[in-house]
Amino acid sequence: MAGHNTNEGVLFASPFVKNDEDYANLVASLFPGISSTALSIITDKLYPSTLSGKYGYVDQTGRVASTIGESLISCNEYFLGEAFARSNTSFRYEFSVPPAIHAVDLSYTFYNAGEATSGVNITLAGIMQRYFANFITTGQPYSHRPTDFPVDDMIQNFNISSVGRMKDSVSTKRCKWWQKADFR
């Protein structure tokens, strides 16, 4: 079982990136020795300077957050899920409770009943913990309904308003490029 949060890269995104040159310099610093071809693919094709929301971001900070979140976290979760998908032993989820930043799901994963909470929805924490405990003990995240947890191109979504299947928010096109690790 592998999961990611919707806004993984936000905590790591520099607010000082204000234009395309700043963005290219930041990407180059994240991947020392990156070739000009790979840098161009990242800056022009994978995460272009189109800030309309078409690519999942509306400003340079969002562009950086998407780049960092996918390249370092979300795509790695995607790769892990794909590696085990062929054997039908892969279960993937996305934690989308706002702000859904990196590690905010841990308060749900490790919530102890009866302890004071700081914004944790205890109902959702219980649902998540049952999924995780069932997976650990049986290899399946559900206890009685095999349709609870998707094993196809849909993933499980954990949110305050709903728990269910959703299309993965991770860009498979971008992840497939990151998987090649062709930076030189």
N, C-alpha and C. Protein backbone atom coordinates (compact mmCIF):
# COMPACT_ATOMS: atom_id res chain seq x y z
N MET A 1 0.85 -1.16 0.00
CA MET A 1 0.00 0.00 0.00
C MET A 1 0.90 1.23 0.00
N ALA A 2 0.59 2.14 -0.88
CA ALA A 2 1.36 3.37 -0.97
C ALA A 2 0.39 4.54 -1.12
N GLY A 3 0.76 5.66 -0.55
CA GLY A 3 -0.11 6.82 -0.65
C GLY A 3 0.67 8.11 -0.72
N HIS A 4 -0.03 9.13 -1.13
CA HIS A 4 0.56 10.47 -1.16
C HIS A 4 -0.52 11.48 -0.78
N ASN A 5 -0.08 12.68 -0.46
CA ASN A 5 -0.99 13.77 -0.15
C ASN A 5 -1.16 14.64 -1.38
N THR A 6 -2.29 15.27 -1.51
CA THR A 6 -2.60 16.06 -2.71
C THR A 6 -1.58 17.16 -2.97
N ASN A 7 -1.15 17.84 -1.93
CA ASN A 7 -0.26 19.00 -2.09
C ASN A 7 1.12 18.74 -1.50
N GLU A 8 1.74 17.65 -1.89
CA GLU A 8 3.02 17.23 -1.32
C GLU A 8 4.12 18.30 -1.41
N GLY A 9 4.19 19.01 -2.51
CA GLY A 9 5.32 19.90 -2.72
C GLY A 9 5.20 21.28 -2.11
N VAL A 10 4.06 21.64 -1.58
CA VAL A 10 3.84 23.01 -1.10
C VAL A 10 4.84 23.42 -0.02
N LEU A 11 5.13 22.55 0.93
CA LEU A 11 6.06 22.89 2.01
C LEU A 11 7.47 23.16 1.49
N PHE A 12 7.81 22.61 0.36
CA PHE A 12 9.17 22.69 -0.15
C PHE A 12 9.33 23.71 -1.27
N ALA A 13 8.24 24.38 -1.64
CA ALA A 13 8.26 25.32 -2.77
C ALA A 13 8.78 26.68 -2.33
N SER A 14 9.74 27.18 -3.04
CA SER A 14 10.29 28.50 -2.74
C SER A 14 9.34 29.60 -3.18
N PRO A 15 9.01 30.52 -2.27
CA PRO A 15 8.17 31.65 -2.66
C PRO A 15 8.96 32.72 -3.42
N PHE A 16 10.26 32.52 -3.56
CA PHE A 16 11.11 33.50 -4.22
C PHE A 16 11.22 33.28 -5.72
N VAL A 17 10.63 32.22 -6.22
CA VAL A 17 10.62 31.98 -7.66
C VAL A 17 9.51 32.84 -8.26
N LYS A 18 9.92 33.84 -9.03
CA LYS A 18 8.96 34.82 -9.56
C LYS A 18 8.80 34.79 -11.07
N ASN A 19 9.72 34.11 -11.76
CA ASN A 19 9.65 34.10 -13.23
C ASN A 19 10.29 32.82 -13.77
N ASP A 20 10.28 32.70 -15.09
CA ASP A 20 10.81 31.48 -15.73
C ASP A 20 12.29 31.26 -15.45
N GLU A 21 13.06 32.33 -15.41
CA GLU A 21 14.50 32.19 -15.14
C GLU A 21 14.73 31.66 -13.71
N ASP A 22 14.00 32.22 -12.74
CA ASP A 22 14.10 31.73 -11.37
C ASP A 22 13.73 30.25 -11.29
N TYR A 23 12.67 29.90 -12.00
CA TYR A 23 12.20 28.51 -11.99
C TYR A 23 13.27 27.58 -12.57
N ALA A 24 13.82 27.94 -13.71
CA ALA A 24 14.86 27.11 -14.35
C ALA A 24 16.08 26.97 -13.44
N ASN A 25 16.47 28.06 -12.79
CA ASN A 25 17.61 28.01 -11.87
C ASN A 25 17.32 27.09 -10.68
N LEU A 26 16.11 27.15 -10.17
CA LEU A 26 15.75 26.28 -9.05
C LEU A 26 15.78 24.81 -9.48
N VAL A 27 15.18 24.50 -10.62
CA VAL A 27 15.18 23.12 -11.11
C VAL A 27 16.62 22.63 -11.30
N ALA A 28 17.47 23.48 -11.87
CA ALA A 28 18.87 23.10 -12.08
C ALA A 28 19.56 22.83 -10.75
N SER A 29 19.20 23.58 -9.71
CA SER A 29 19.82 23.35 -8.40
C SER A 29 19.30 22.07 -7.74
N LEU A 30 18.08 21.68 -8.06
CA LEU A 30 17.53 20.44 -7.50
C LEU A 30 18.16 19.20 -8.11
N PHE A 31 18.60 19.32 -9.35
CA PHE A 31 19.16 18.18 -10.08
C PHE A 31 20.54 18.56 -10.63
N PRO A 32 21.56 18.58 -9.76
CA PRO A 32 22.90 18.96 -10.19
C PRO A 32 23.37 18.12 -11.37
N GLY A 33 23.97 18.78 -12.34
CA GLY A 33 24.47 18.08 -13.52
C GLY A 33 23.41 17.82 -14.57
N ILE A 34 22.21 18.35 -14.39
CA ILE A 34 21.13 18.13 -15.36
C ILE A 34 21.54 18.69 -16.72
N SER A 35 21.22 17.98 -17.76
CA SER A 35 21.54 18.44 -19.11
C SER A 35 20.59 19.56 -19.51
N SER A 36 21.01 20.35 -20.48
CA SER A 36 20.14 21.43 -20.96
C SER A 36 18.89 20.86 -21.62
N THR A 37 19.01 19.69 -22.23
CA THR A 37 17.84 19.04 -22.85
C THR A 37 16.83 18.65 -21.78
N ALA A 38 17.28 18.01 -20.72
CA ALA A 38 16.37 17.59 -19.65
C ALA A 38 15.76 18.81 -18.96
N LEU A 39 16.56 19.84 -18.74
CA LEU A 39 16.05 21.06 -18.12
C LEU A 39 14.96 21.68 -18.98
N SER A 40 15.18 21.69 -20.27
CA SER A 40 14.19 22.23 -21.21
C SER A 40 12.90 21.40 -21.20
N ILE A 41 13.02 20.09 -21.12
CA ILE A 41 11.82 19.24 -21.06
C ILE A 41 11.01 19.57 -19.81
N ILE A 42 11.69 19.72 -18.68
CA ILE A 42 11.00 20.02 -17.43
C ILE A 42 10.35 21.40 -17.49
N THR A 43 11.11 22.41 -17.91
CA THR A 43 10.61 23.79 -17.86
C THR A 43 9.64 24.14 -18.98
N ASP A 44 9.77 23.48 -20.12
CA ASP A 44 8.93 23.85 -21.27
C ASP A 44 7.80 22.87 -21.57
N LYS A 45 7.99 21.59 -21.25
CA LYS A 45 6.98 20.59 -21.62
C LYS A 45 6.23 20.01 -20.42
N LEU A 46 6.98 19.60 -19.39
CA LEU A 46 6.32 18.98 -18.24
C LEU A 46 5.63 20.00 -17.35
N TYR A 47 6.32 21.10 -17.08
CA TYR A 47 5.80 22.15 -16.20
C TYR A 47 5.97 23.51 -16.88
N PRO A 48 5.26 23.71 -17.97
CA PRO A 48 5.44 24.96 -18.72
C PRO A 48 4.94 26.18 -17.94
N SER A 49 5.31 27.32 -18.43
CA SER A 49 4.96 28.58 -17.78
C SER A 49 3.53 29.01 -18.07
N THR A 50 2.67 28.09 -18.35
CA THR A 50 1.25 28.37 -18.55
C THR A 50 0.59 28.35 -17.18
N LEU A 51 0.24 29.51 -16.67
CA LEU A 51 -0.25 29.63 -15.29
C LEU A 51 -1.77 29.76 -15.24
N SER A 52 -2.45 29.07 -16.12
CA SER A 52 -3.91 29.16 -16.23
C SER A 52 -4.63 28.10 -15.39
N GLY A 53 -3.90 27.18 -14.80
CA GLY A 53 -4.49 26.06 -14.09
C GLY A 53 -4.54 24.79 -14.93
N LYS A 54 -4.27 24.92 -16.22
CA LYS A 54 -4.31 23.77 -17.13
C LYS A 54 -3.37 22.65 -16.67
N TYR A 55 -2.25 23.01 -16.08
CA TYR A 55 -1.25 22.03 -15.65
C TYR A 55 -1.28 21.79 -14.14
N GLY A 56 -2.29 22.33 -13.47
CA GLY A 56 -2.42 22.10 -12.03
C GLY A 56 -1.86 23.20 -11.16
N TYR A 57 -1.46 24.30 -11.75
CA TYR A 57 -0.94 25.43 -10.98
C TYR A 57 -1.31 26.74 -11.66
N VAL A 58 -1.37 27.81 -10.87
CA VAL A 58 -1.77 29.12 -11.40
C VAL A 58 -0.73 30.20 -11.13
N ASP A 59 0.38 29.84 -10.51
CA ASP A 59 1.46 30.79 -10.27
C ASP A 59 2.79 30.03 -10.20
N GLN A 60 3.88 30.77 -10.11
CA GLN A 60 5.20 30.14 -10.11
C GLN A 60 5.41 29.26 -8.87
N THR A 61 4.88 29.69 -7.73
CA THR A 61 5.02 28.87 -6.52
C THR A 61 4.30 27.54 -6.69
N GLY A 62 3.13 27.56 -7.29
CA GLY A 62 2.41 26.32 -7.57
C GLY A 62 3.15 25.45 -8.57
N ARG A 63 3.79 26.08 -9.52
CA ARG A 63 4.59 25.36 -10.52
C ARG A 63 5.75 24.63 -9.82
N VAL A 64 6.42 25.35 -8.92
CA VAL A 64 7.51 24.75 -8.16
C VAL A 64 6.98 23.63 -7.27
N ALA A 65 5.86 23.87 -6.60
CA ALA A 65 5.27 22.86 -5.72
C ALA A 65 4.91 21.59 -6.51
N SER A 66 4.36 21.76 -7.69
CA SER A 66 4.03 20.59 -8.53
C SER A 66 5.29 19.84 -8.93
N THR A 67 6.31 20.57 -9.33
CA THR A 67 7.57 19.95 -9.75
C THR A 67 8.20 19.16 -8.61
N ILE A 68 8.33 19.80 -7.46
CA ILE A 68 8.97 19.14 -6.32
C ILE A 68 8.10 18.00 -5.80
N GLY A 69 6.81 18.27 -5.65
CA GLY A 69 5.91 17.25 -5.12
C GLY A 69 5.88 15.99 -5.97
N GLU A 70 5.82 16.17 -7.29
CA GLU A 70 5.77 15.00 -8.17
C GLU A 70 7.13 14.34 -8.32
N SER A 71 8.17 15.12 -8.57
CA SER A 71 9.48 14.52 -8.84
C SER A 71 10.07 13.80 -7.63
N LEU A 72 9.81 14.31 -6.44
CA LEU A 72 10.44 13.74 -5.26
C LEU A 72 9.52 12.84 -4.41
N ILE A 73 8.20 13.02 -4.52
CA ILE A 73 7.32 12.27 -3.62
C ILE A 73 6.23 11.51 -4.37
N SER A 74 5.30 12.23 -4.96
CA SER A 74 4.10 11.60 -5.53
C SER A 74 4.41 10.59 -6.63
N CYS A 75 5.33 10.92 -7.51
CA CYS A 75 5.66 9.98 -8.59
C CYS A 75 6.33 8.73 -8.04
N ASN A 76 7.10 8.86 -6.97
CA ASN A 76 7.71 7.67 -6.37
C ASN A 76 6.65 6.75 -5.78
N GLU A 77 5.60 7.34 -5.21
CA GLU A 77 4.47 6.54 -4.73
C GLU A 77 3.78 5.86 -5.91
N TYR A 78 3.64 6.59 -7.00
CA TYR A 78 3.04 6.03 -8.22
C TYR A 78 3.87 4.85 -8.73
N PHE A 79 5.21 5.01 -8.77
CA PHE A 79 6.09 3.93 -9.24
C PHE A 79 5.94 2.69 -8.37
N LEU A 80 5.89 2.88 -7.07
CA LEU A 80 5.76 1.75 -6.15
C LEU A 80 4.45 1.01 -6.40
N GLY A 81 3.37 1.78 -6.54
CA GLY A 81 2.07 1.16 -6.83
C GLY A 81 2.07 0.41 -8.14
N GLU A 82 2.68 0.99 -9.16
CA GLU A 82 2.74 0.34 -10.47
C GLU A 82 3.59 -0.93 -10.43
N ALA A 83 4.63 -0.92 -9.63
CA ALA A 83 5.52 -2.08 -9.56
C ALA A 83 4.78 -3.33 -9.07
N PHE A 84 3.81 -3.13 -8.20
CA PHE A 84 3.07 -4.27 -7.65
C PHE A 84 1.70 -4.45 -8.28
N ALA A 85 1.32 -3.58 -9.18
CA ALA A 85 -0.02 -3.63 -9.78
C ALA A 85 -0.23 -4.90 -10.60
N ARG A 86 0.79 -5.37 -11.25
CA ARG A 86 0.65 -6.56 -12.10
C ARG A 86 0.25 -7.80 -11.32
N SER A 87 0.62 -7.84 -10.05
CA SER A 87 0.28 -9.01 -9.23
C SER A 87 -0.99 -8.79 -8.42
N ASN A 88 -1.69 -7.69 -8.70
CA ASN A 88 -2.93 -7.35 -7.98
C ASN A 88 -2.72 -7.25 -6.48
N THR A 89 -1.52 -6.87 -6.07
CA THR A 89 -1.24 -6.69 -4.64
C THR A 89 -0.95 -5.24 -4.32
N SER A 90 -1.30 -4.36 -5.21
CA SER A 90 -1.00 -2.94 -5.04
C SER A 90 -2.27 -2.17 -4.70
N PHE A 91 -2.18 -1.38 -3.66
CA PHE A 91 -3.28 -0.51 -3.28
C PHE A 91 -2.71 0.88 -3.06
N ARG A 92 -3.33 1.87 -3.70
CA ARG A 92 -2.83 3.24 -3.63
C ARG A 92 -3.92 4.15 -3.10
N TYR A 93 -3.48 5.20 -2.40
CA TYR A 93 -4.45 6.16 -1.89
C TYR A 93 -3.89 7.57 -1.96
N GLU A 94 -4.81 8.53 -1.90
CA GLU A 94 -4.45 9.94 -1.84
C GLU A 94 -5.17 10.54 -0.64
N PHE A 95 -4.42 11.25 0.18
CA PHE A 95 -4.98 11.95 1.33
C PHE A 95 -5.21 13.39 0.89
N SER A 96 -6.48 13.81 0.89
CA SER A 96 -6.80 15.14 0.35
C SER A 96 -7.51 16.05 1.35
N VAL A 97 -7.35 15.78 2.64
CA VAL A 97 -7.92 16.68 3.65
C VAL A 97 -7.10 17.96 3.65
N PRO A 98 -7.74 19.11 3.42
CA PRO A 98 -6.99 20.37 3.40
C PRO A 98 -6.21 20.57 4.71
N PRO A 99 -4.98 21.05 4.61
CA PRO A 99 -4.29 21.55 3.43
C PRO A 99 -3.62 20.46 2.59
N ALA A 100 -3.66 19.21 3.02
CA ALA A 100 -3.13 18.06 2.29
C ALA A 100 -1.67 18.21 1.89
N ILE A 101 -0.90 18.86 2.79
CA ILE A 101 0.53 19.02 2.54
C ILE A 101 1.29 17.80 3.07
N HIS A 102 2.54 17.73 2.72
CA HIS A 102 3.39 16.60 3.09
C HIS A 102 3.32 16.33 4.60
N ALA A 103 3.05 15.09 4.95
CA ALA A 103 3.05 14.56 6.32
C ALA A 103 1.84 14.95 7.17
N VAL A 104 0.92 15.75 6.66
CA VAL A 104 -0.24 16.13 7.47
C VAL A 104 -1.14 14.92 7.75
N ASP A 105 -1.02 13.88 6.96
CA ASP A 105 -1.81 12.67 7.17
C ASP A 105 -1.36 11.85 8.37
N LEU A 106 -0.17 12.12 8.87
CA LEU A 106 0.35 11.33 9.99
C LEU A 106 -0.49 11.45 11.25
N SER A 107 -1.11 12.62 11.46
CA SER A 107 -1.97 12.77 12.64
C SER A 107 -3.20 11.88 12.53
N TYR A 108 -3.58 11.51 11.32
CA TYR A 108 -4.69 10.58 11.11
C TYR A 108 -4.21 9.13 11.24
N THR A 109 -3.07 8.86 10.65
CA THR A 109 -2.51 7.51 10.67
C THR A 109 -2.22 7.05 12.10
N PHE A 110 -1.69 7.95 12.92
CA PHE A 110 -1.27 7.58 14.27
C PHE A 110 -2.16 8.17 15.36
N TYR A 111 -3.37 8.55 15.01
CA TYR A 111 -4.31 9.09 16.00
C TYR A 111 -4.62 8.04 17.08
N ASN A 112 -4.58 8.46 18.33
CA ASN A 112 -4.93 7.59 19.46
C ASN A 112 -6.28 8.03 20.00
N ALA A 113 -7.24 7.14 19.99
CA ALA A 113 -8.59 7.45 20.47
C ALA A 113 -8.52 8.00 21.89
N GLY A 114 -9.27 9.07 22.11
CA GLY A 114 -9.34 9.68 23.43
C GLY A 114 -8.35 10.80 23.64
N GLU A 115 -7.34 10.90 22.80
CA GLU A 115 -6.38 11.99 22.94
C GLU A 115 -6.95 13.27 22.35
N ALA A 116 -6.49 14.39 22.86
CA ALA A 116 -6.91 15.68 22.32
C ALA A 116 -6.49 15.76 20.87
N THR A 117 -7.36 16.31 20.05
CA THR A 117 -7.04 16.42 18.63
C THR A 117 -6.84 17.87 18.25
N SER A 118 -6.13 18.07 17.20
CA SER A 118 -5.93 19.40 16.66
C SER A 118 -6.41 19.38 15.22
N GLY A 119 -7.72 19.39 15.05
CA GLY A 119 -8.29 19.41 13.72
C GLY A 119 -8.41 18.06 13.06
N VAL A 120 -8.13 16.98 13.76
CA VAL A 120 -8.24 15.64 13.17
C VAL A 120 -9.70 15.20 13.20
N ASN A 121 -10.19 14.76 12.06
CA ASN A 121 -11.53 14.19 11.99
C ASN A 121 -11.41 12.75 12.46
N ILE A 122 -11.91 12.47 13.66
CA ILE A 122 -11.68 11.14 14.25
C ILE A 122 -12.39 10.03 13.48
N THR A 123 -13.48 10.36 12.81
CA THR A 123 -14.15 9.34 11.99
C THR A 123 -13.24 8.91 10.84
N LEU A 124 -12.66 9.90 10.15
CA LEU A 124 -11.75 9.58 9.05
C LEU A 124 -10.50 8.87 9.56
N ALA A 125 -9.98 9.31 10.71
CA ALA A 125 -8.80 8.64 11.28
C ALA A 125 -9.10 7.17 11.52
N GLY A 126 -10.28 6.87 12.04
CA GLY A 126 -10.67 5.48 12.28
C GLY A 126 -10.77 4.67 11.00
N ILE A 127 -11.36 5.27 9.97
CA ILE A 127 -11.48 4.59 8.68
C ILE A 127 -10.09 4.28 8.12
N MET A 128 -9.21 5.27 8.14
CA MET A 128 -7.87 5.07 7.61
C MET A 128 -7.12 3.99 8.40
N GLN A 129 -7.22 4.06 9.71
CA GLN A 129 -6.51 3.08 10.54
C GLN A 129 -7.03 1.66 10.31
N ARG A 130 -8.32 1.53 10.07
CA ARG A 130 -8.86 0.19 9.76
C ARG A 130 -8.30 -0.31 8.43
N TYR A 131 -8.24 0.58 7.43
CA TYR A 131 -7.66 0.18 6.14
C TYR A 131 -6.22 -0.29 6.34
N PHE A 132 -5.43 0.51 7.05
CA PHE A 132 -4.02 0.19 7.22
C PHE A 132 -3.84 -1.09 8.04
N ALA A 133 -4.59 -1.22 9.12
CA ALA A 133 -4.47 -2.42 9.97
C ALA A 133 -4.90 -3.67 9.21
N ASN A 134 -5.97 -3.57 8.45
CA ASN A 134 -6.40 -4.72 7.64
C ASN A 134 -5.34 -5.10 6.63
N PHE A 135 -4.73 -4.10 6.00
CA PHE A 135 -3.69 -4.38 5.02
C PHE A 135 -2.50 -5.08 5.68
N ILE A 136 -2.12 -4.60 6.84
CA ILE A 136 -0.98 -5.20 7.55
C ILE A 136 -1.26 -6.65 7.94
N THR A 137 -2.47 -6.91 8.40
CA THR A 137 -2.78 -8.25 8.91
C THR A 137 -3.24 -9.24 7.84
N THR A 138 -3.84 -8.74 6.75
CA THR A 138 -4.41 -9.66 5.75
C THR A 138 -3.87 -9.47 4.34
N GLY A 139 -3.17 -8.36 4.11
CA GLY A 139 -2.73 -8.06 2.75
C GLY A 139 -3.79 -7.37 1.92
N GLN A 140 -4.95 -7.14 2.51
CA GLN A 140 -6.06 -6.44 1.85
C GLN A 140 -6.49 -5.29 2.76
N PRO A 141 -6.75 -4.12 2.21
CA PRO A 141 -7.10 -2.97 3.05
C PRO A 141 -8.54 -2.95 3.57
N TYR A 142 -9.37 -3.83 3.07
CA TYR A 142 -10.78 -3.81 3.48
C TYR A 142 -11.05 -5.05 4.31
N SER A 143 -12.07 -4.97 5.12
CA SER A 143 -12.36 -6.12 5.97
C SER A 143 -13.46 -7.00 5.40
N HIS A 144 -14.41 -6.42 4.68
CA HIS A 144 -15.54 -7.23 4.24
C HIS A 144 -16.08 -6.88 2.86
N ARG A 145 -15.64 -5.78 2.27
CA ARG A 145 -16.16 -5.40 0.96
C ARG A 145 -15.01 -5.23 -0.02
N PRO A 146 -14.75 -6.20 -0.87
CA PRO A 146 -13.61 -6.11 -1.78
C PRO A 146 -13.68 -4.95 -2.75
N THR A 147 -14.82 -4.30 -2.87
CA THR A 147 -14.89 -3.17 -3.80
C THR A 147 -14.54 -1.85 -3.13
N ASP A 148 -14.23 -1.87 -1.83
CA ASP A 148 -13.90 -0.62 -1.16
C ASP A 148 -12.65 0.05 -1.73
N PHE A 149 -11.67 -0.74 -2.08
CA PHE A 149 -10.36 -0.20 -2.40
C PHE A 149 -10.00 -0.55 -3.84
N PRO A 150 -9.82 0.46 -4.67
CA PRO A 150 -9.56 0.21 -6.09
C PRO A 150 -8.17 -0.37 -6.34
N VAL A 151 -8.09 -1.23 -7.33
CA VAL A 151 -6.79 -1.78 -7.74
C VAL A 151 -6.51 -1.47 -9.20
N ASP A 152 -7.36 -0.67 -9.84
CA ASP A 152 -7.14 -0.32 -11.24
C ASP A 152 -6.51 1.07 -11.30
N ASP A 153 -6.85 1.86 -12.31
CA ASP A 153 -6.24 3.18 -12.44
C ASP A 153 -6.87 4.22 -11.52
N MET A 154 -7.86 3.82 -10.77
CA MET A 154 -8.44 4.69 -9.77
C MET A 154 -7.72 4.43 -8.45
N ILE A 155 -7.74 5.43 -7.56
CA ILE A 155 -7.12 5.24 -6.25
C ILE A 155 -8.13 5.58 -5.17
N GLN A 156 -7.83 5.16 -3.96
CA GLN A 156 -8.68 5.46 -2.82
C GLN A 156 -8.42 6.90 -2.40
N ASN A 157 -9.47 7.64 -2.14
CA ASN A 157 -9.33 9.01 -1.66
C ASN A 157 -9.80 9.07 -0.22
N PHE A 158 -8.98 9.66 0.63
CA PHE A 158 -9.36 9.92 2.02
C PHE A 158 -9.57 11.41 2.17
N ASN A 159 -10.82 11.81 2.41
CA ASN A 159 -11.16 13.22 2.57
C ASN A 159 -12.20 13.32 3.66
N ILE A 160 -12.36 14.50 4.23
CA ILE A 160 -13.35 14.69 5.29
C ILE A 160 -14.76 14.49 4.77
N SER A 161 -15.01 14.94 3.54
CA SER A 161 -16.37 14.87 3.00
C SER A 161 -16.71 13.52 2.37
N SER A 162 -15.69 12.74 2.01
CA SER A 162 -15.97 11.44 1.40
C SER A 162 -14.75 10.53 1.46
N VAL A 163 -15.02 9.25 1.39
CA VAL A 163 -13.97 8.25 1.27
C VAL A 163 -14.41 7.36 0.12
N GLY A 164 -13.62 7.32 -0.93
CA GLY A 164 -14.01 6.52 -2.08
C GLY A 164 -13.03 6.63 -3.21
N ARG A 165 -13.42 6.05 -4.33
CA ARG A 165 -12.57 6.01 -5.52
C ARG A 165 -12.48 7.39 -6.17
N MET A 166 -11.32 7.65 -6.74
CA MET A 166 -11.13 8.86 -7.52
C MET A 166 -10.02 8.63 -8.53
N LYS A 167 -10.00 9.47 -9.55
CA LYS A 167 -8.90 9.44 -10.50
C LYS A 167 -7.69 10.05 -9.81
N ASP A 168 -6.56 9.42 -9.96
CA ASP A 168 -5.34 9.90 -9.33
C ASP A 168 -5.01 11.30 -9.82
N SER A 169 -4.64 12.18 -8.90
CA SER A 169 -4.29 13.55 -9.28
C SER A 169 -2.86 13.65 -9.82
N VAL A 170 -2.07 12.61 -9.64
CA VAL A 170 -0.70 12.62 -10.14
C VAL A 170 -0.71 12.47 -11.65
N SER A 171 0.10 13.28 -12.32
CA SER A 171 0.19 13.22 -13.78
C SER A 171 1.01 12.01 -14.20
N THR A 172 0.37 11.03 -14.81
CA THR A 172 1.11 9.84 -15.24
C THR A 172 2.12 10.18 -16.33
N LYS A 173 1.80 11.15 -17.19
CA LYS A 173 2.74 11.55 -18.24
C LYS A 173 4.02 12.08 -17.61
N ARG A 174 3.87 12.96 -16.63
CA ARG A 174 5.06 13.52 -15.99
C ARG A 174 5.79 12.45 -15.18
N CYS A 175 5.05 11.60 -14.49
CA CYS A 175 5.70 10.54 -13.71
C CYS A 175 6.48 9.58 -14.60
N LYS A 176 5.94 9.26 -15.76
CA LYS A 176 6.66 8.36 -16.67
C LYS A 176 7.99 8.98 -17.11
N TRP A 177 8.01 10.30 -17.28
CA TRP A 177 9.26 10.96 -17.63
C TRP A 177 10.22 10.91 -16.44
N TRP A 178 9.74 11.22 -15.24
CA TRP A 178 10.61 11.18 -14.06
C TRP A 178 11.16 9.77 -13.84
N GLN A 179 10.38 8.76 -14.15
CA GLN A 179 10.82 7.39 -13.93
C GLN A 179 12.05 7.04 -14.77
N LYS A 180 12.17 7.66 -15.93
CA LYS A 180 13.33 7.40 -16.78
C LYS A 180 14.62 7.91 -16.14
N ALA A 181 14.51 8.95 -15.31
CA ALA A 181 15.67 9.57 -14.65
C ALA A 181 16.75 9.93 -15.67
N ASP A 182 16.34 10.46 -16.79
CA ASP A 182 17.25 10.81 -17.88
C ASP A 182 17.62 12.29 -17.78
N PHE A 183 18.47 12.61 -16.81
CA PHE A 183 18.80 14.01 -16.54
C PHE A 183 20.10 14.47 -17.19
N ARG A 184 20.87 13.56 -17.72
CA ARG A 184 22.20 13.95 -18.21
C ARG A 184 22.26 14.00 -19.72
